[in-house]
Amino acid sequence: MSLPRIDDDTYLWDGGERLSLDELRALQLTRLQNTVRHAYTNVDHYRKALDDKGVHPDDIKTLDDIRLLPFTTKADLRANYPFGMFVVPREQVVRVHASSGTTGKPTVVGYTAQDIATWSDLVARSLRAAGVRPGDVVQVAYGYGLFTGGLGAHYGAERLGCTVVPISGGQTEKQIQLLQDFGARAIMVTPSYFLSVLDELDKRGVDPASLPLEVGVFGAEPWTNAMREEIERRGAMHATDIYGLSEVMGPGVAQESVETKDGLNIWEDHFYPEIVNPLTDEPVPDGQVGELVFTSLTKQAMPILRYRTRDLTRLLPGTARPAMRRMEKVTGRTDDLMIVRGVNVFPTQIEEILLEVPGLTPYFQCVLTRPGRMDELAINVEGEPDLSDDDRRTLAAQVAHTVKARIGTTVTVNVVGHEGIERSVGKARRIIDQRER
């Protein structure tokens, strides 16, 4: 399979992407100092948190002094629901977004008109890095509404000069019809849902290579390089990773370059990254895996200091954008960690193994139970159509053996029939926790 050619249009880089390392660090320090002062002066939560640590904005003299600042957590945002973290009058906030709030009050974020413009610029920058070009048709299949994905992608694609098809998530048959009729060259969607789109194309006997689609910008959930290979092989297209979260901005905090696909360029002129040990809260050197922490540098309505993302990754030197550090693909979340008989297990590890086994599909769920004193993990994975019972047993044994050998824990594997795993139009639900609380 040959992937579509993407011309090297480095001339499209904006001023932020052209900064030298020294210029970038000087800009980061100035913006960090302004952000801390802005938050301290206007947000009761931050003033108290800084005072409790004995830190004043004037103490931030170098970038290393960011370690003096308090962390911000999702619990802090919920405690100040709805508008307690805003640093400008609510009348200056032109839009609010919020999380789903499935585990409590939603986390609310606000944007001034300048914030929306900055966000749009950064998504446009991300799309250029992914290989999207002005004039392309971009089908946005992220959800619209309070979730930041749909509108963030939409405004960024418009800012780049693209024609946007705002279909949102779901409606798989309509997705395919519009891909065929409107001729999108790029799609923005969760990778798990795009696999459902590819399955539907297979059912209809439509060769994805016959579509104008050449670039996928996939995000909103962790996904592996094995899934990238699956999408690129089946879709005859480039698959790149975009990263963001509503508490920091939304999609467009970091983006893979299509020419390298070696990790996500963090747009460090707007977001300062750290990696910390999630157990000790101490920063770790670049190159070591830990929890990703972000401090916003240019947000007006709701700057955020040292936000604990719960995403696990590591920082790497810049390549395609030399001054900008890369973050490795997110390998999991601290709150997605399953500890099974003393062994740490992440859904992405399971996904990687399943995608190596012929006869299995990428659809799976991890089911946690506690029938006795110990947690047990069952992996339910969907097999390809027309597998015999013997085939399913053989594949289940193969997966169980590989998980034991590679991850180090014993699991039960069930290979279920076609469409035996629920489909998602957004983020896939990978963990089903049936343990008694």
Protein backbone atom coordinates (compact mmCIF):
# COMPACT_ATOMS: atom_id res chain seq x y z
CA MET A 1 0.00 0.00 0.00
CA SER A 2 1.30 3.47 -0.89
CA LEU A 3 0.07 6.42 1.13
CA PRO A 4 -1.00 9.66 -0.57
CA ARG A 5 1.82 12.10 -1.20
CA ILE A 6 1.92 15.11 1.10
CA ASP A 7 3.99 17.99 -0.23
CA ASP A 8 6.48 19.52 2.21
CA ASP A 9 4.91 22.96 2.58
CA THR A 10 7.12 24.23 5.40
CA TYR A 11 6.61 27.73 4.07
CA LEU A 12 3.17 27.51 5.64
CA TRP A 13 4.65 27.62 9.14
CA ASP A 14 3.50 30.60 11.20
CA GLY A 15 5.73 32.83 13.31
CA GLY A 16 5.41 30.68 16.42
CA GLU A 17 6.67 27.61 14.58
CA ARG A 18 9.72 29.52 13.31
CA LEU A 19 10.97 30.61 16.75
CA SER A 20 14.46 29.61 17.74
CA LEU A 21 14.85 27.77 21.03
CA ASP A 22 16.20 30.87 22.78
CA GLU A 23 13.37 33.01 21.42
CA LEU A 24 10.82 30.40 22.51
CA ARG A 25 12.18 30.16 26.07
CA ALA A 26 12.23 33.96 26.46
CA LEU A 27 8.65 34.20 25.20
CA GLN A 28 7.52 31.39 27.52
CA LEU A 29 8.99 33.10 30.57
CA THR A 30 7.33 36.43 29.82
CA ARG A 31 3.99 34.77 29.18
CA LEU A 32 4.30 32.57 32.28
CA GLN A 33 4.98 35.58 34.49
CA ASN A 34 1.98 37.42 33.04
CA THR A 35 -0.27 34.37 33.44
CA VAL A 36 0.66 33.82 37.09
CA ARG A 37 0.15 37.48 37.91
CA HIS A 38 -3.18 37.53 36.07
CA ALA A 39 -4.43 34.42 37.91
CA TYR A 40 -3.19 35.60 41.33
CA THR A 41 -4.84 39.00 40.98
CA ASN A 42 -8.22 37.86 39.70
CA VAL A 43 -8.97 34.31 40.94
CA ASP A 44 -9.60 33.69 44.64
CA HIS A 45 -8.66 30.02 44.27
CA TYR A 46 -5.22 30.77 42.85
CA ARG A 47 -4.53 33.61 45.26
CA LYS A 48 -5.22 31.32 48.22
CA ALA A 49 -3.32 28.38 46.69
CA LEU A 50 -0.24 30.54 46.03
CA ASP A 51 -0.43 32.21 49.44
CA ASP A 52 -0.69 28.78 51.11
CA LYS A 53 2.59 27.80 49.43
CA GLY A 54 4.20 31.13 50.31
CA VAL A 55 4.63 32.00 46.63
CA HIS A 56 4.12 35.42 45.04
CA PRO A 57 4.01 36.10 41.28
CA ASP A 58 7.24 38.10 41.63
CA ASP A 59 8.98 34.85 42.67
CA ILE A 60 8.70 33.50 39.10
CA LYS A 61 12.05 34.59 37.69
CA THR A 62 12.97 31.55 35.53
CA LEU A 63 11.04 28.78 33.82
CA ASP A 64 12.27 26.35 36.47
CA ASP A 65 10.33 28.39 39.04
CA ILE A 66 7.14 26.89 37.62
CA ARG A 67 7.77 24.13 40.18
CA LEU A 68 6.89 26.63 42.91
CA LEU A 69 3.31 26.88 41.63
CA PRO A 70 0.44 24.74 42.93
CA PHE A 71 -1.11 22.01 40.80
CA THR A 72 -4.64 22.41 39.48
CA THR A 73 -6.90 19.34 39.38
CA LYS A 74 -10.32 18.55 38.00
CA ALA A 75 -11.57 18.63 41.60
CA ASP A 76 -10.43 22.26 41.87
CA LEU A 77 -12.44 23.16 38.78
CA ARG A 78 -15.52 21.41 40.13
CA ALA A 79 -15.13 23.14 43.51
CA ASN A 80 -15.29 26.49 41.69
CA TYR A 81 -18.24 25.55 39.46
CA PRO A 82 -19.44 27.22 37.34
CA PHE A 83 -17.48 30.45 36.79
CA GLY A 84 -15.17 30.71 39.80
CA MET A 85 -11.98 30.16 37.77
CA PHE A 86 -12.67 32.97 35.29
CA VAL A 87 -10.28 35.93 35.53
CA VAL A 88 -12.40 38.29 33.43
CA PRO A 89 -15.98 39.43 34.01
CA ARG A 90 -18.47 36.86 32.75
CA GLU A 91 -19.73 39.45 30.23
CA GLN A 92 -16.38 39.21 28.43
CA VAL A 93 -16.71 35.44 28.04
CA VAL A 94 -18.15 34.76 24.60
CA ARG A 95 -18.40 30.98 24.92
CA VAL A 96 -18.35 28.25 27.56
CA HIS A 97 -17.61 24.56 27.14
CA ALA A 98 -17.92 21.84 29.76
CA SER A 99 -17.06 18.21 30.36
CA SER A 100 -19.79 15.57 30.52
CA GLY A 101 -19.84 15.58 34.31
CA THR A 102 -20.42 11.82 34.51
CA THR A 103 -18.50 11.57 37.80
CA GLY A 104 -19.74 14.80 39.37
CA LYS A 105 -20.30 18.41 38.38
CA PRO A 106 -18.97 19.21 34.91
CA THR A 107 -15.74 21.16 34.57
CA VAL A 108 -16.51 24.49 32.91
CA VAL A 109 -14.10 26.49 30.76
CA GLY A 110 -14.60 29.93 29.26
CA TYR A 111 -13.20 31.79 26.26
CA THR A 112 -12.91 35.45 25.34
CA ALA A 113 -13.12 36.47 21.70
CA GLN A 114 -9.30 36.52 21.63
CA ASP A 115 -9.20 33.01 23.14
CA ILE A 116 -11.43 31.74 20.34
CA ALA A 117 -9.15 33.39 17.78
CA THR A 118 -6.04 31.87 19.38
CA TRP A 119 -7.68 28.45 19.55
CA SER A 120 -8.69 28.66 15.88
CA ASP A 121 -5.13 29.62 14.91
CA LEU A 122 -3.69 26.64 16.80
CA VAL A 123 -6.10 24.13 15.28
CA ALA A 124 -5.28 25.59 11.86
CA ARG A 125 -1.58 25.16 12.68
CA SER A 126 -2.30 21.57 13.73
CA LEU A 127 -4.17 20.80 10.53
CA ARG A 128 -1.31 22.16 8.41
CA ALA A 129 1.10 19.92 10.33
CA ALA A 130 -1.22 16.97 9.63
CA GLY A 131 -1.10 17.62 5.89
CA VAL A 132 -4.38 19.51 5.46
CA ARG A 133 -4.18 22.48 3.09
CA PRO A 134 -6.30 25.58 2.40
CA GLY A 135 -9.14 24.73 0.06
CA ASP A 136 -9.51 21.14 1.27
CA VAL A 137 -12.90 19.76 2.26
CA VAL A 138 -12.74 18.69 5.93
CA GLN A 139 -15.44 16.45 7.42
CA VAL A 140 -15.73 17.09 11.16
CA ALA A 141 -17.10 13.97 12.85
CA TYR A 142 -16.28 14.97 16.42
CA GLY A 143 -19.27 15.72 18.61
CA TYR A 144 -20.56 19.29 18.67
CA GLY A 145 -21.98 21.02 21.74
CA LEU A 146 -20.40 21.40 25.18
CA PHE A 147 -17.62 18.97 24.14
CA THR A 148 -14.76 21.03 22.68
CA GLY A 149 -13.95 18.64 19.83
CA GLY A 150 -16.51 19.57 17.18
CA LEU A 151 -16.48 23.35 17.42
CA GLY A 152 -12.72 23.49 18.04
CA ALA A 153 -12.04 21.47 14.90
CA HIS A 154 -14.66 23.42 12.95
CA TYR A 155 -13.29 26.89 13.70
CA GLY A 156 -9.71 25.77 13.07
CA ALA A 157 -10.52 24.26 9.68
CA GLU A 158 -12.37 27.41 8.67
CA ARG A 159 -9.41 29.52 9.84
CA LEU A 160 -7.11 27.46 7.61
CA GLY A 161 -9.38 28.21 4.66
CA CYS A 162 -11.04 24.81 4.30
CA THR A 163 -14.60 23.89 3.40
CA VAL A 164 -16.10 22.35 6.54
CA VAL A 165 -18.69 19.56 6.60
CA PRO A 166 -20.04 19.77 10.21
CA ILE A 167 -21.71 16.36 10.43
CA SER A 168 -20.73 15.67 14.08
CA GLY A 169 -20.55 12.10 15.42
CA GLY A 170 -22.72 9.13 14.50
CA GLN A 171 -24.95 8.69 11.44
CA THR A 172 -22.48 6.28 9.87
CA GLU A 173 -24.45 5.86 6.66
CA LYS A 174 -24.68 9.63 6.26
CA GLN A 175 -20.95 9.95 7.03
CA ILE A 176 -20.17 7.66 4.11
CA GLN A 177 -22.64 9.34 1.79
CA LEU A 178 -21.08 12.75 2.45
CA LEU A 179 -17.54 11.40 2.11
CA GLN A 180 -18.52 10.15 -1.33
CA ASP A 181 -20.64 13.11 -2.41
CA PHE A 182 -18.73 16.05 -0.90
CA GLY A 183 -15.27 14.64 -1.52
CA ALA A 184 -13.61 15.37 1.82
CA ARG A 185 -9.83 15.13 1.65
CA ALA A 186 -9.54 15.14 5.45
CA ILE A 187 -11.63 13.85 8.34
CA MET A 188 -11.43 14.73 12.04
CA VAL A 189 -12.84 11.95 14.22
CA THR A 190 -12.07 9.54 17.04
CA PRO A 191 -10.04 6.56 15.77
CA SER A 192 -12.40 3.99 17.30
CA TYR A 193 -15.40 5.46 15.48
CA PHE A 194 -13.51 5.72 12.20
CA LEU A 195 -12.95 1.96 12.34
CA SER A 196 -16.75 1.62 12.34
CA VAL A 197 -16.85 3.81 9.22
CA LEU A 198 -14.28 1.56 7.54
CA ASP A 199 -16.33 -1.51 8.52
CA GLU A 200 -19.41 0.02 6.91
CA LEU A 201 -17.44 0.76 3.74
CA ASP A 202 -16.39 -2.91 3.65
CA LYS A 203 -20.03 -4.02 4.02
CA ARG A 204 -20.99 -1.85 1.06
CA GLY A 205 -18.10 -3.10 -1.06
CA VAL A 206 -16.63 0.41 -1.28
CA ASP A 207 -12.87 0.59 -1.60
CA PRO A 208 -11.66 3.42 0.68
CA ALA A 209 -8.91 4.12 -1.85
CA SER A 210 -11.64 5.20 -4.27
CA LEU A 211 -12.54 8.12 -1.98
CA PRO A 212 -10.71 11.48 -2.11
CA LEU A 213 -9.95 11.00 1.61
CA GLU A 214 -6.18 11.26 2.22
CA VAL A 215 -5.72 12.55 5.78
CA GLY A 216 -7.25 11.59 9.11
CA VAL A 217 -6.76 13.74 12.22
CA PHE A 218 -7.61 11.43 15.10
CA GLY A 219 -7.91 12.30 18.77
CA ALA A 220 -10.07 12.43 21.93
CA GLU A 221 -8.89 8.99 23.10
CA PRO A 222 -5.60 7.09 23.48
CA TRP A 223 -4.73 4.97 20.44
CA THR A 224 -1.71 2.95 19.49
CA ASN A 225 0.65 2.90 16.52
CA ALA A 226 -0.79 -0.53 15.77
CA MET A 227 -4.19 1.10 15.27
CA ARG A 228 -2.53 3.72 13.07
CA GLU A 229 -1.17 0.95 10.86
CA GLU A 230 -4.61 -0.66 10.72
CA ILE A 231 -6.28 2.60 9.67
CA GLU A 232 -3.62 3.48 7.11
CA ARG A 233 -3.66 -0.01 5.61
CA ARG A 234 -7.44 -0.26 5.37
CA GLY A 235 -8.12 3.39 4.59
CA ALA A 236 -5.22 4.08 2.19
CA MET A 237 -4.69 7.37 4.00
CA HIS A 238 -2.43 9.14 6.49
CA ALA A 239 -3.45 8.85 10.15
CA THR A 240 -2.12 11.54 12.49
CA ASP A 241 -2.69 12.19 16.18
CA ILE A 242 -4.09 15.42 17.62
CA TYR A 243 -4.12 16.14 21.35
CA GLY A 244 -6.07 18.50 23.53
CA LEU A 245 -8.33 18.70 26.52
CA SER A 246 -11.02 21.19 27.38
CA GLU A 247 -9.46 22.30 30.66
CA VAL A 248 -6.35 23.52 28.81
CA MET A 249 -8.07 24.67 25.59
CA GLY A 250 -9.50 21.84 23.50
CA PRO A 251 -8.07 20.06 20.44
CA GLY A 252 -4.93 21.68 19.09
CA VAL A 253 -2.64 21.67 22.13
CA ALA A 254 -0.31 19.30 20.25
CA GLN A 255 -0.26 17.64 16.83
CA GLU A 256 1.77 15.07 14.93
CA SER A 257 3.54 16.13 11.75
CA VAL A 258 2.48 14.00 8.81
CA GLU A 259 6.04 13.81 7.47
CA THR A 260 7.44 12.23 10.64
CA LYS A 261 4.59 10.71 12.69
CA ASP A 262 7.03 10.42 15.58
CA GLY A 263 5.06 12.07 18.37
CA LEU A 264 3.02 15.20 18.82
CA ASN A 265 4.55 18.66 18.51
CA ILE A 266 3.49 20.60 21.61
CA TRP A 267 2.69 24.19 20.71
CA GLU A 268 4.95 25.46 23.44
CA ASP A 269 4.48 29.13 22.64
CA HIS A 270 1.00 28.71 24.18
CA PHE A 271 1.29 25.75 26.59
CA TYR A 272 4.17 24.88 28.90
CA PRO A 273 4.51 21.11 29.43
CA GLU A 274 5.94 19.17 32.37
CA ILE A 275 6.10 15.48 33.21
CA VAL A 276 5.75 14.57 36.89
CA ASN A 277 5.92 11.34 38.82
CA PRO A 278 2.23 10.72 39.65
CA LEU A 279 3.17 9.14 42.99
CA THR A 280 5.60 11.80 44.27
CA ASP A 281 4.40 14.84 42.25
CA GLU A 282 8.06 15.61 41.49
CA PRO A 283 9.08 16.59 37.95
CA VAL A 284 11.01 13.99 35.98
CA PRO A 285 13.56 14.68 33.21
CA ASP A 286 12.57 14.77 29.56
CA GLY A 287 12.54 11.23 28.18
CA GLN A 288 11.03 9.60 31.28
CA VAL A 289 7.39 8.49 31.38
CA GLY A 290 5.07 10.18 33.83
CA GLU A 291 1.94 12.29 34.10
CA LEU A 292 1.56 15.19 31.70
CA VAL A 293 1.02 18.61 33.30
CA PHE A 294 0.18 21.79 31.37
CA THR A 295 0.28 25.49 32.20
CA SER A 296 -1.48 27.78 29.75
CA LEU A 297 0.52 30.81 28.60
CA THR A 298 -1.93 32.87 26.53
CA LYS A 299 -5.46 32.12 27.75
CA GLN A 300 -7.37 35.24 28.74
CA ALA A 301 -10.66 34.08 30.24
CA MET A 302 -9.39 31.12 32.23
CA PRO A 303 -5.64 30.64 32.54
CA ILE A 304 -4.69 27.39 34.22
CA LEU A 305 -1.61 26.61 36.31
CA ARG A 306 0.04 23.18 36.28
CA TYR A 307 -3.09 21.23 35.30
CA ARG A 308 -2.89 17.50 36.08
CA THR A 309 -4.07 15.87 32.85
CA ARG A 310 -3.79 12.26 34.18
CA ASP A 311 -2.38 11.33 30.76
CA LEU A 312 0.81 9.25 30.76
CA THR A 313 3.51 10.07 28.23
CA ARG A 314 7.05 11.47 27.99
CA LEU A 315 8.68 14.55 26.45
CA LEU A 316 11.12 14.16 23.55
CA PRO A 317 13.29 16.61 21.57
CA GLY A 318 11.73 18.41 18.63
CA THR A 319 12.14 17.03 15.11
CA ALA A 320 9.77 18.44 12.47
CA ARG A 321 9.43 21.63 14.55
CA PRO A 322 12.90 21.70 16.12
CA ALA A 323 12.24 24.19 18.95
CA MET A 324 9.00 22.53 20.01
CA ARG A 325 9.31 19.43 22.16
CA ARG A 326 7.28 16.37 21.25
CA MET A 327 5.09 14.27 23.48
CA GLU A 328 4.93 10.55 22.80
CA LYS A 329 1.52 9.13 22.02
CA VAL A 330 -0.45 8.88 25.26
CA THR A 331 -0.02 5.32 26.56
CA GLY A 332 -2.85 5.51 29.07
CA ARG A 333 -4.27 7.53 31.91
CA THR A 334 -3.57 7.28 35.59
CA ASP A 335 -7.31 6.81 36.08
CA ASP A 336 -7.39 4.09 33.35
CA LEU A 337 -4.75 2.05 35.14
CA MET A 338 -5.94 -1.46 36.02
CA ILE A 339 -3.94 -3.23 38.72
CA VAL A 340 -4.55 -6.94 38.25
CA ARG A 341 -2.87 -9.21 40.79
CA GLY A 342 -0.22 -6.56 41.38
CA VAL A 343 0.48 -5.91 37.69
CA ASN A 344 -0.21 -2.56 36.00
CA VAL A 345 -2.32 -2.97 32.86
CA PHE A 346 -3.50 -0.28 30.45
CA PRO A 347 -6.13 -0.74 27.69
CA THR A 348 -3.62 0.45 25.09
CA GLN A 349 -1.37 -2.52 25.94
CA ILE A 350 -4.29 -4.88 25.31
CA GLU A 351 -5.16 -3.11 22.06
CA GLU A 352 -1.62 -3.46 20.78
CA ILE A 353 -1.67 -7.22 21.36
CA LEU A 354 -5.11 -7.76 19.82
CA LEU A 355 -4.19 -5.90 16.64
CA GLU A 356 -1.31 -8.32 16.10
CA VAL A 357 -3.60 -11.37 16.00
CA PRO A 358 -5.16 -12.28 12.63
CA GLY A 359 -8.82 -13.15 12.99
CA LEU A 360 -9.59 -10.51 15.62
CA THR A 361 -11.08 -7.04 15.14
CA PRO A 362 -10.01 -3.90 17.03
CA TYR A 363 -13.23 -3.93 19.10
CA PHE A 364 -12.70 -5.02 22.69
CA GLN A 365 -13.54 -4.30 26.32
CA CYS A 366 -11.77 -5.05 29.58
CA VAL A 367 -14.13 -6.33 32.29
CA LEU A 368 -12.93 -6.11 35.89
CA THR A 369 -14.54 -8.32 38.54
CA ARG A 370 -13.70 -9.35 42.10
CA PRO A 371 -15.30 -12.75 42.73
CA GLY A 372 -13.11 -13.32 45.78
CA ARG A 373 -10.28 -11.37 47.34
CA MET A 374 -8.42 -10.72 44.09
CA ASP A 375 -9.36 -8.67 41.05
CA GLU A 376 -9.78 -10.59 37.82
CA LEU A 377 -9.64 -9.27 34.27
CA ALA A 378 -11.60 -10.64 31.32
CA ILE A 379 -10.94 -9.39 27.81
CA ASN A 380 -13.95 -9.57 25.51
CA VAL A 381 -12.84 -9.13 21.91
CA GLU A 382 -14.80 -9.37 18.70
CA GLY A 383 -13.72 -11.95 16.16
CA GLU A 384 -14.03 -11.66 12.44
CA PRO A 385 -17.17 -13.11 10.84
CA ASP A 386 -17.47 -16.87 10.19
CA LEU A 387 -15.03 -18.00 12.89
CA SER A 388 -15.77 -21.48 14.18
CA ASP A 389 -15.98 -22.27 17.88
CA ASP A 390 -12.61 -23.97 17.65
CA ASP A 391 -11.15 -20.87 16.00
CA ARG A 392 -12.45 -18.68 18.82
CA ARG A 393 -10.98 -20.94 21.48
CA THR A 394 -7.62 -21.02 19.71
CA LEU A 395 -7.50 -17.24 19.35
CA ALA A 396 -8.55 -16.73 22.98
CA ALA A 397 -5.76 -19.01 24.18
CA GLN A 398 -3.25 -17.19 21.96
CA VAL A 399 -4.21 -13.78 23.36
CA ALA A 400 -4.18 -15.02 26.97
CA HIS A 401 -0.70 -16.48 26.44
CA THR A 402 0.63 -13.27 24.88
CA VAL A 403 -0.82 -11.09 27.65
CA LYS A 404 0.79 -13.31 30.28
CA ALA A 405 4.14 -13.32 28.49
CA ARG A 406 4.25 -9.62 27.61
CA ILE A 407 2.38 -7.90 30.46
CA GLY A 408 2.81 -10.51 33.18
CA THR A 409 -0.73 -11.17 34.39
CA THR A 410 -3.30 -13.91 33.87
CA VAL A 411 -6.49 -12.96 32.05
CA THR A 412 -9.58 -14.66 30.70
CA VAL A 413 -10.20 -14.02 27.00
CA ASN A 414 -13.58 -14.36 25.30
CA VAL A 415 -13.75 -14.08 21.52
CA VAL A 416 -17.32 -13.00 20.77
CA GLY A 417 -19.25 -13.00 17.54
CA HIS A 418 -19.48 -10.29 14.90
CA GLU A 419 -20.74 -6.98 16.36
CA GLY A 420 -20.68 -8.53 19.81
CA ILE A 421 -18.92 -5.45 21.23
CA GLU A 422 -20.82 -2.18 21.47
CA ARG A 423 -19.92 0.49 18.91
CA SER A 424 -19.20 4.05 19.96
CA VAL A 425 -19.72 7.22 17.97
CA GLY A 426 -17.30 9.03 20.27
CA LYS A 427 -14.77 7.75 22.76
CA ALA A 428 -14.69 3.97 23.05
CA ARG A 429 -15.59 2.54 26.47
CA ARG A 430 -12.64 0.23 27.09
CA ILE A 431 -13.09 -0.63 30.79
CA ILE A 432 -16.19 -2.13 32.38
CA ASP A 433 -15.75 -2.17 36.17
CA GLN A 434 -18.08 -4.72 37.79
CA ARG A 435 -16.29 -4.87 41.12
CA GLU A 436 -18.27 -4.10 44.24
CA ARG A 437 -17.25 -0.73 45.64
